[in-house]
Amino acid sequence: MFSNLKSTLSRTLTNAKGWRTNKRIVVIESDDWGGIRMPDKATRDAFQEKGYNIMSNPYCKYDTLADSEDLKRLFAVLLKYKDKEGSHPSITANTVVGNPDFEAIKASGFTEYSYKPFTTTLKEYYPGDDVYAMWEEGMAKKVFIPQYHGREHLNVPLWLEILRSNNKVFIDAFEMGFWGLPKNLYDENIFNVQAAYGSAEEQDIAYYKNAIKEGLNLFESIFKFKSKTFIANNYTWSPKLHQTLKENGVIGFQGMKYQKIPTQNGTTVDLYPAYTGRKNELKQVYMVRNCIFEPSQMPASFNNVKNCIKDIENAFLFKKPAIITSHRLNFIGVISPENRNRNLVMLDELLAQILKKWPDVVFMTSDQLADYLYVDGQ
């Protein structure tokens, strides 16, 4: 009972402030597309056999680059449904546009960073499978719309420093072609290496600004349109990056109810309260996730559909858009087909229940919502 009350209170606090609308808007935001996590099942199992406990971490257990079969099955579920205006539910595919070039980095003695476009990584992972053609199909059918999640899902200056220190677990992971380690495997005083913008040091801020410019330019080069929204890795970024984001086309921030702002000591963050419709000094608007559909991260006993419907009910009660967070790993079957197939059944059920309960629902993507709020947000 206490857990239910706590959950209800959390939902209410998230939705109490900010912009309101009579429209029943549903947005599905999905992070990590394009980025490396675990290369494949063989790599995962070999790393586990080295004595590193990674199987309790769902990202290490399930997450990797989606192949064509993953995308085909996801799109098939989305294409089954339409809202009253004829729009399908669509995944806002928050995309990491680059991945480390491991060979070049090693050749430099871990002193220089090099990266490859994620489209190149897709070809390397799946040489007989034109995966990017499926991305294009999803965009053409308007069920898969990329937005910007970073040049890479990695704090580059911190990672290179760790590698130069010859940290064994990171070197072992590097040699196997990844870096996304659970925090329990490394020093608690090291900030999360997955948080690409997790420093407040001036030299790092300068690096981040350049990476954002390069990343957003690469995004536009790949997709032929600019990203209007940005979701920081691990919800962590400094306000000092806002101007650079604005100059490069970003008008909206996806995120949770707090922006995590790195502090000067590099191991902690300050929490800046956000709510949907809040604008910063540059008029960039915040869009706060208030619904959760993360079956790969929940215990088997958790009713993901029922609880997400409760989140949506609460959002609509407060006249808020229902912004659902659902990371890529939920839809990945390359490492574990059972993971993908089980979760797609739940996604199918969730969409069916949404349309049955709220036949007037309107499906949007994050860039569409940002446009809406950029004019009307308060």
Protein backbone atom coordinates (compact mmCIF):
# COMPACT_ATOMS: atom_id res chain seq x y z
CA MET A 1 0.00 0.00 0.00
CA PHE A 2 2.79 2.43 0.93
CA SER A 3 4.47 1.78 -2.42
CA ASN A 4 1.22 2.56 -4.27
CA LEU A 5 0.72 5.79 -2.32
CA LYS A 6 4.29 6.83 -3.01
CA SER A 7 3.85 6.13 -6.72
CA THR A 8 0.59 8.09 -6.86
CA LEU A 9 2.16 11.04 -5.04
CA SER A 10 5.13 11.02 -7.42
CA ARG A 11 2.84 11.06 -10.46
CA THR A 12 0.78 13.89 -8.98
CA LEU A 13 3.81 16.05 -8.19
CA THR A 14 5.15 15.56 -11.71
CA ASN A 15 1.89 16.74 -13.27
CA ALA A 16 0.78 19.45 -10.85
CA LYS A 17 2.68 22.38 -12.40
CA GLY A 18 2.94 23.79 -15.89
CA TRP A 19 1.18 23.96 -19.22
CA ARG A 20 -2.23 22.34 -19.66
CA THR A 21 -4.25 21.22 -22.64
CA ASN A 22 -7.66 19.69 -23.25
CA LYS A 23 -6.12 17.49 -25.93
CA ARG A 24 -5.27 13.97 -24.86
CA ILE A 25 -1.75 13.79 -26.27
CA VAL A 26 0.41 10.65 -26.09
CA VAL A 27 4.14 10.74 -26.87
CA ILE A 28 6.48 7.72 -26.70
CA GLU A 29 10.11 8.69 -26.10
CA SER A 30 12.73 5.97 -26.55
CA ASP A 31 16.43 6.61 -25.84
CA ASP A 32 19.71 5.03 -27.00
CA TRP A 33 19.04 4.27 -30.66
CA GLY A 34 22.22 4.17 -32.73
CA GLY A 35 24.55 3.72 -29.77
CA ILE A 36 26.65 0.69 -28.86
CA ARG A 37 25.90 -1.06 -25.59
CA MET A 38 26.68 -4.80 -25.56
CA PRO A 39 28.09 -5.95 -28.94
CA ASP A 40 26.44 -9.39 -28.89
CA LYS A 41 25.56 -12.38 -26.70
CA ALA A 42 28.98 -14.00 -27.09
CA THR A 43 30.73 -10.85 -25.87
CA ARG A 44 28.33 -10.52 -22.95
CA ASP A 45 28.87 -14.10 -21.88
CA ALA A 46 32.66 -13.90 -22.28
CA PHE A 47 32.79 -10.74 -20.16
CA GLN A 48 30.66 -12.40 -17.50
CA GLU A 49 33.05 -15.37 -17.49
CA LYS A 50 35.91 -12.99 -16.61
CA GLY A 51 34.21 -12.63 -13.24
CA TYR A 52 32.32 -9.40 -13.86
CA ASN A 53 28.70 -9.49 -12.73
CA ILE A 54 26.78 -7.80 -15.53
CA MET A 55 23.74 -10.06 -15.93
CA SER A 56 21.84 -8.20 -13.21
CA ASN A 57 22.03 -5.06 -15.36
CA PRO A 58 19.28 -5.17 -18.02
CA TYR A 59 21.21 -2.93 -20.42
CA CYS A 60 24.18 -5.28 -20.40
CA LYS A 61 21.88 -8.28 -20.51
CA TYR A 62 19.68 -7.21 -23.45
CA ASP A 63 20.72 -3.99 -25.15
CA THR A 64 22.55 -3.72 -28.47
CA LEU A 65 22.08 -2.13 -31.87
CA ALA A 66 18.70 -3.09 -33.33
CA ASP A 67 18.77 -5.22 -36.46
CA SER A 68 16.16 -5.20 -39.22
CA GLU A 69 14.07 -7.89 -37.55
CA ASP A 70 13.82 -5.82 -34.36
CA LEU A 71 12.64 -2.78 -36.29
CA LYS A 72 10.28 -4.75 -38.54
CA ARG A 73 8.50 -6.28 -35.55
CA LEU A 74 8.30 -2.96 -33.69
CA PHE A 75 6.88 -1.15 -36.71
CA ALA A 76 4.31 -3.91 -37.25
CA VAL A 77 2.84 -3.24 -33.80
CA LEU A 78 2.77 0.54 -34.27
CA LEU A 79 1.17 0.29 -37.71
CA LYS A 80 -1.80 -1.66 -36.29
CA TYR A 81 -3.17 1.48 -34.62
CA LYS A 82 -4.33 4.95 -35.60
CA ASP A 83 -5.69 7.88 -33.61
CA LYS A 84 -8.77 9.91 -34.52
CA GLU A 85 -6.69 12.05 -36.88
CA GLY A 86 -5.27 9.03 -38.72
CA SER A 87 -1.80 9.13 -37.16
CA HIS A 88 -0.06 5.98 -35.98
CA PRO A 89 1.58 5.86 -32.57
CA SER A 90 5.20 6.78 -33.22
CA ILE A 91 8.47 6.14 -31.43
CA THR A 92 10.55 9.27 -30.88
CA ALA A 93 13.86 7.49 -31.50
CA ASN A 94 16.40 9.48 -29.52
CA THR A 95 19.56 8.74 -31.44
CA VAL A 96 23.26 8.66 -30.64
CA VAL A 97 24.77 9.54 -34.02
CA GLY A 98 28.33 8.30 -33.42
CA ASN A 99 30.29 5.50 -31.75
CA PRO A 100 33.98 5.28 -30.79
CA ASP A 101 36.52 4.11 -33.34
CA PHE A 102 38.23 1.67 -30.99
CA GLU A 103 41.19 0.93 -33.27
CA ALA A 104 42.07 4.60 -33.80
CA ILE A 105 41.70 5.39 -30.09
CA LYS A 106 43.98 2.52 -29.10
CA ALA A 107 46.55 3.54 -31.73
CA SER A 108 46.72 7.00 -30.13
CA GLY A 109 47.51 5.51 -26.74
CA PHE A 110 44.10 6.66 -25.49
CA THR A 111 45.11 10.29 -26.01
CA GLU A 112 42.89 11.14 -28.99
CA TYR A 113 39.23 10.36 -29.54
CA SER A 114 37.87 9.25 -32.91
CA TYR A 115 34.35 8.22 -33.82
CA LYS A 116 32.32 6.73 -36.64
CA PRO A 117 28.75 7.57 -37.71
CA PHE A 118 26.29 5.06 -36.27
CA THR A 119 25.34 4.12 -39.83
CA THR A 120 28.88 2.77 -40.24
CA THR A 121 28.58 0.84 -36.98
CA LEU A 122 25.34 -0.71 -38.21
CA LYS A 123 27.13 -2.03 -41.30
CA GLU A 124 29.96 -3.41 -39.16
CA TYR A 125 27.57 -5.16 -36.76
CA TYR A 126 25.22 -6.49 -39.45
CA PRO A 127 27.13 -6.64 -42.76
CA GLY A 128 24.47 -8.69 -44.54
CA ASP A 129 21.55 -6.61 -43.31
CA ASP A 130 20.65 -3.11 -44.58
CA VAL A 131 19.40 -1.94 -41.20
CA TYR A 132 19.41 1.74 -42.04
CA ALA A 133 16.93 1.04 -44.85
CA MET A 134 14.52 -0.04 -42.10
CA TRP A 135 15.15 3.26 -40.27
CA GLU A 136 14.19 5.05 -43.49
CA GLU A 137 11.07 2.91 -43.83
CA GLY A 138 10.03 3.75 -40.27
CA MET A 139 10.53 7.45 -40.91
CA ALA A 140 8.61 7.28 -44.20
CA LYS A 141 5.68 5.59 -42.44
CA LYS A 142 5.95 8.11 -39.57
CA VAL A 143 6.27 5.52 -36.83
CA PHE A 144 9.97 6.10 -36.06
CA ILE A 145 11.18 9.69 -35.82
CA PRO A 146 14.79 10.33 -34.73
CA GLN A 147 15.74 13.14 -32.35
CA TYR A 148 19.11 14.01 -30.85
CA HIS A 149 20.56 12.06 -27.91
CA GLY A 150 24.20 13.02 -28.35
CA ARG A 151 27.20 12.52 -30.58
CA GLU A 152 27.93 9.47 -28.41
CA HIS A 153 26.49 8.09 -25.17
CA LEU A 154 29.82 8.55 -23.46
CA ASN A 155 31.73 11.11 -21.40
CA VAL A 156 34.73 11.14 -23.71
CA PRO A 157 37.26 13.12 -21.59
CA LEU A 158 36.49 10.99 -18.53
CA TRP A 159 36.64 7.70 -20.47
CA LEU A 160 40.01 8.48 -22.05
CA GLU A 161 41.40 9.47 -18.65
CA ILE A 162 40.20 6.17 -17.15
CA LEU A 163 41.71 4.18 -20.02
CA ARG A 164 45.05 5.98 -19.66
CA SER A 165 45.05 5.02 -15.97
CA ASN A 166 44.92 1.36 -17.11
CA ASN A 167 41.72 0.66 -15.16
CA LYS A 168 41.35 -3.10 -15.66
CA VAL A 169 37.58 -3.41 -16.03
CA PHE A 170 37.43 -0.57 -18.55
CA ILE A 171 40.42 -1.92 -20.48
CA ASP A 172 38.81 -5.37 -20.60
CA ALA A 173 35.57 -3.86 -21.88
CA PHE A 174 37.45 -1.71 -24.40
CA GLU A 175 39.23 -4.77 -25.80
CA MET A 176 35.80 -6.34 -26.34
CA GLY A 177 34.41 -3.23 -28.06
CA PHE A 178 32.20 -1.57 -25.45
CA TRP A 179 32.26 0.69 -22.39
CA GLY A 180 28.76 0.63 -20.87
CA LEU A 181 29.51 -0.90 -17.48
CA PRO A 182 27.25 -1.04 -14.42
CA LYS A 183 28.32 1.40 -11.71
CA ASN A 184 28.94 -1.47 -9.28
CA LEU A 185 31.94 -2.49 -11.37
CA TYR A 186 33.95 0.70 -10.92
CA ASP A 187 35.00 3.26 -8.31
CA GLU A 188 32.00 5.05 -6.82
CA ASN A 189 34.00 8.29 -6.98
CA ILE A 190 34.07 8.09 -10.78
CA PHE A 191 31.09 9.88 -12.29
CA ASN A 192 28.93 7.73 -14.56
CA VAL A 193 30.91 7.33 -17.77
CA GLN A 194 27.64 7.02 -19.71
CA ALA A 195 26.73 10.65 -18.85
CA ALA A 196 28.21 12.40 -21.89
CA TYR A 197 27.90 15.90 -20.36
CA GLY A 198 28.63 15.01 -16.74
CA SER A 199 31.32 17.58 -15.89
CA ALA A 200 31.25 21.24 -14.88
CA GLU A 201 34.96 21.85 -15.62
CA GLU A 202 35.50 24.61 -18.17
CA GLN A 203 37.71 22.50 -20.46
CA ASP A 204 35.06 19.78 -20.49
CA ILE A 205 32.25 22.27 -21.17
CA ALA A 206 34.25 23.52 -24.16
CA TYR A 207 34.65 19.93 -25.36
CA TYR A 208 30.91 19.26 -24.94
CA LYS A 209 29.97 22.37 -26.94
CA ASN A 210 32.11 21.24 -29.84
CA ALA A 211 30.74 17.68 -29.60
CA ILE A 212 27.16 19.01 -29.67
CA LYS A 213 27.87 21.08 -32.80
CA GLU A 214 29.49 18.12 -34.52
CA GLY A 215 26.77 15.76 -33.39
CA LEU A 216 23.87 17.93 -34.52
CA ASN A 217 25.57 18.54 -37.87
CA LEU A 218 26.04 14.79 -38.28
CA PHE A 219 22.39 14.23 -37.30
CA GLU A 220 21.27 16.62 -40.05
CA SER A 221 23.67 15.06 -42.56
CA ILE A 222 22.27 11.58 -41.90
CA PHE A 223 18.56 12.34 -41.56
CA LYS A 224 18.26 15.43 -43.80
CA PHE A 225 16.48 17.46 -41.11
CA LYS A 226 17.47 19.21 -37.91
CA SER A 227 16.63 17.84 -34.48
CA LYS A 228 14.31 20.17 -32.62
CA THR A 229 14.69 18.39 -29.29
CA PHE A 230 17.52 17.09 -27.14
CA ILE A 231 17.61 14.46 -24.41
CA ALA A 232 20.85 14.41 -22.43
CA ASN A 233 22.40 11.06 -21.59
CA ASN A 234 21.45 10.18 -18.00
CA TYR A 235 19.43 13.45 -17.87
CA THR A 236 22.65 15.29 -16.95
CA TRP A 237 23.79 18.53 -18.58
CA SER A 238 24.89 22.04 -17.71
CA PRO A 239 22.85 25.17 -18.56
CA LYS A 240 26.10 26.42 -20.13
CA LEU A 241 25.24 24.16 -23.08
CA HIS A 242 21.85 25.74 -23.77
CA GLN A 243 23.14 28.48 -26.07
CA THR A 244 25.05 26.01 -28.24
CA LEU A 245 21.98 23.78 -28.48
CA LYS A 246 19.77 26.74 -29.41
CA GLU A 247 22.20 27.98 -32.07
CA ASN A 248 22.06 24.54 -33.64
CA GLY A 249 18.28 24.24 -33.80
CA VAL A 250 17.21 22.73 -30.45
CA ILE A 251 14.06 24.35 -29.03
CA GLY A 252 12.96 21.63 -26.58
CA PHE A 253 14.42 19.43 -23.85
CA GLN A 254 13.10 15.94 -23.19
CA GLY A 255 13.70 14.69 -19.67
CA MET A 256 12.50 13.80 -16.22
CA LYS A 257 11.18 16.11 -13.50
CA TYR A 258 14.69 17.33 -12.69
CA GLN A 259 17.54 18.51 -14.87
CA LYS A 260 20.68 17.07 -13.31
CA ILE A 261 23.30 19.83 -13.35
CA PRO A 262 26.92 18.72 -12.78
CA THR A 263 28.70 20.38 -9.87
CA GLN A 264 32.28 21.55 -9.77
CA ASN A 265 33.57 18.54 -7.84
CA GLY A 266 32.51 16.24 -10.67
CA THR A 267 30.86 13.54 -8.58
CA THR A 268 27.50 15.11 -7.67
CA VAL A 269 24.68 16.99 -9.36
CA ASP A 270 22.28 19.78 -8.48
CA LEU A 271 18.62 19.19 -9.30
CA TYR A 272 16.78 21.85 -11.29
CA PRO A 273 12.98 21.33 -11.15
CA ALA A 274 11.41 20.96 -14.60
CA TYR A 275 7.80 20.71 -15.71
CA THR A 276 6.15 20.45 -19.09
CA GLY A 277 5.90 23.91 -20.60
CA ARG A 278 8.60 25.51 -18.47
CA LYS A 279 10.92 27.72 -20.53
CA ASN A 280 14.47 28.81 -19.89
CA GLU A 281 15.94 32.22 -20.61
CA LEU A 282 16.38 31.26 -24.29
CA LYS A 283 12.71 30.17 -24.53
CA GLN A 284 13.69 26.51 -24.89
CA VAL A 285 10.88 24.42 -23.46
CA TYR A 286 10.99 21.43 -21.11
CA MET A 287 8.90 18.31 -21.73
CA VAL A 288 8.74 16.03 -18.70
CA ARG A 289 8.23 12.28 -18.88
CA ASN A 290 5.33 11.32 -16.65
CA CYS A 291 4.58 7.75 -17.77
CA ILE A 292 6.75 4.63 -17.64
CA PHE A 293 6.77 1.61 -19.93
CA GLU A 294 10.08 -0.13 -19.17
CA PRO A 295 9.34 -3.87 -18.96
CA SER A 296 12.99 -4.91 -19.41
CA GLN A 297 13.86 -3.00 -16.24
CA MET A 298 10.98 -4.23 -14.09
CA PRO A 299 10.53 -7.47 -12.11
CA ALA A 300 8.45 -10.19 -13.75
CA SER A 301 5.62 -9.58 -11.27
CA PHE A 302 5.23 -5.92 -12.28
CA ASN A 303 2.18 -5.16 -14.44
CA ASN A 304 3.72 -2.79 -16.95
CA VAL A 305 0.57 -2.13 -18.96
CA LYS A 306 -1.66 -1.50 -15.94
CA ASN A 307 0.83 0.85 -14.32
CA CYS A 308 1.45 2.79 -17.53
CA ILE A 309 -2.31 3.24 -17.98
CA LYS A 310 -2.42 4.65 -14.43
CA ASP A 311 0.34 7.09 -15.35
CA ILE A 312 -1.60 8.18 -18.43
CA GLU A 313 -4.80 8.62 -16.40
CA ASN A 314 -2.96 10.88 -13.98
CA ALA A 315 -1.45 12.92 -16.81
CA PHE A 316 -4.84 13.46 -18.42
CA LEU A 317 -6.42 14.28 -15.05
CA PHE A 318 -4.03 17.24 -14.81
CA LYS A 319 -4.53 18.05 -18.51
CA LYS A 320 -0.94 17.15 -19.34
CA PRO A 321 0.45 15.30 -22.34
CA ALA A 322 1.18 11.68 -21.47
CA ILE A 323 4.90 11.38 -22.22
CA ILE A 324 5.94 7.74 -21.99
CA THR A 325 9.56 6.73 -21.44
CA SER A 326 10.49 3.40 -23.03
CA HIS A 327 14.18 2.79 -23.74
CA ARG A 328 15.48 0.92 -26.79
CA LEU A 329 16.41 -2.20 -24.82
CA ASN A 330 12.70 -3.07 -24.50
CA PHE A 331 12.52 -3.72 -28.25
CA ILE A 332 15.81 -5.54 -28.81
CA GLY A 333 15.85 -9.24 -29.61
CA VAL A 334 19.32 -9.70 -31.11
CA ILE A 335 20.72 -10.95 -27.80
CA SER A 336 17.43 -12.31 -26.42
CA PRO A 337 14.48 -12.74 -28.82
CA GLU A 338 12.30 -13.55 -25.80
CA ASN A 339 12.95 -10.07 -24.40
CA ARG A 340 11.72 -8.35 -27.57
CA ASN A 341 8.78 -10.67 -28.21
CA ARG A 342 7.48 -10.48 -24.64
CA ASN A 343 7.68 -6.69 -24.56
CA LEU A 344 6.06 -6.18 -27.96
CA VAL A 345 3.05 -8.18 -26.76
CA MET A 346 2.78 -5.73 -23.86
CA LEU A 347 3.23 -2.71 -26.15
CA ASP A 348 0.44 -4.05 -28.36
CA GLU A 349 -1.83 -4.41 -25.33
CA LEU A 350 -0.91 -0.94 -24.07
CA LEU A 351 -1.77 0.76 -27.37
CA ALA A 352 -5.04 -1.17 -27.65
CA GLN A 353 -6.06 -0.12 -24.13
CA ILE A 354 -5.13 3.54 -24.74
CA LEU A 355 -7.35 3.77 -27.81
CA LYS A 356 -10.19 1.88 -26.14
CA LYS A 357 -10.13 4.04 -23.02
CA TRP A 358 -9.46 7.35 -24.80
CA PRO A 359 -10.72 7.15 -28.40
CA ASP A 360 -10.02 10.87 -28.84
CA VAL A 361 -6.30 10.46 -28.12
CA VAL A 362 -3.78 12.22 -30.36
CA PHE A 363 -0.38 10.59 -30.98
CA MET A 364 2.54 12.99 -31.31
CA THR A 365 6.32 12.88 -31.49
CA SER A 366 8.57 14.97 -29.26
CA ASP A 367 9.45 17.45 -31.99
CA GLN A 368 5.74 18.01 -32.71
CA LEU A 369 5.05 18.58 -29.02
CA ALA A 370 8.01 20.96 -28.80
CA ASP A 371 6.58 23.02 -31.65
CA TYR A 372 3.23 23.10 -29.87
CA LEU A 373 4.77 24.16 -26.56
CA TYR A 374 7.31 26.57 -28.03
CA VAL A 375 4.43 28.83 -28.98
CA ASP A 376 2.02 28.08 -26.14
CA GLY A 377 4.24 27.11 -23.19
CA GLN A 378 4.19 29.35 -20.17
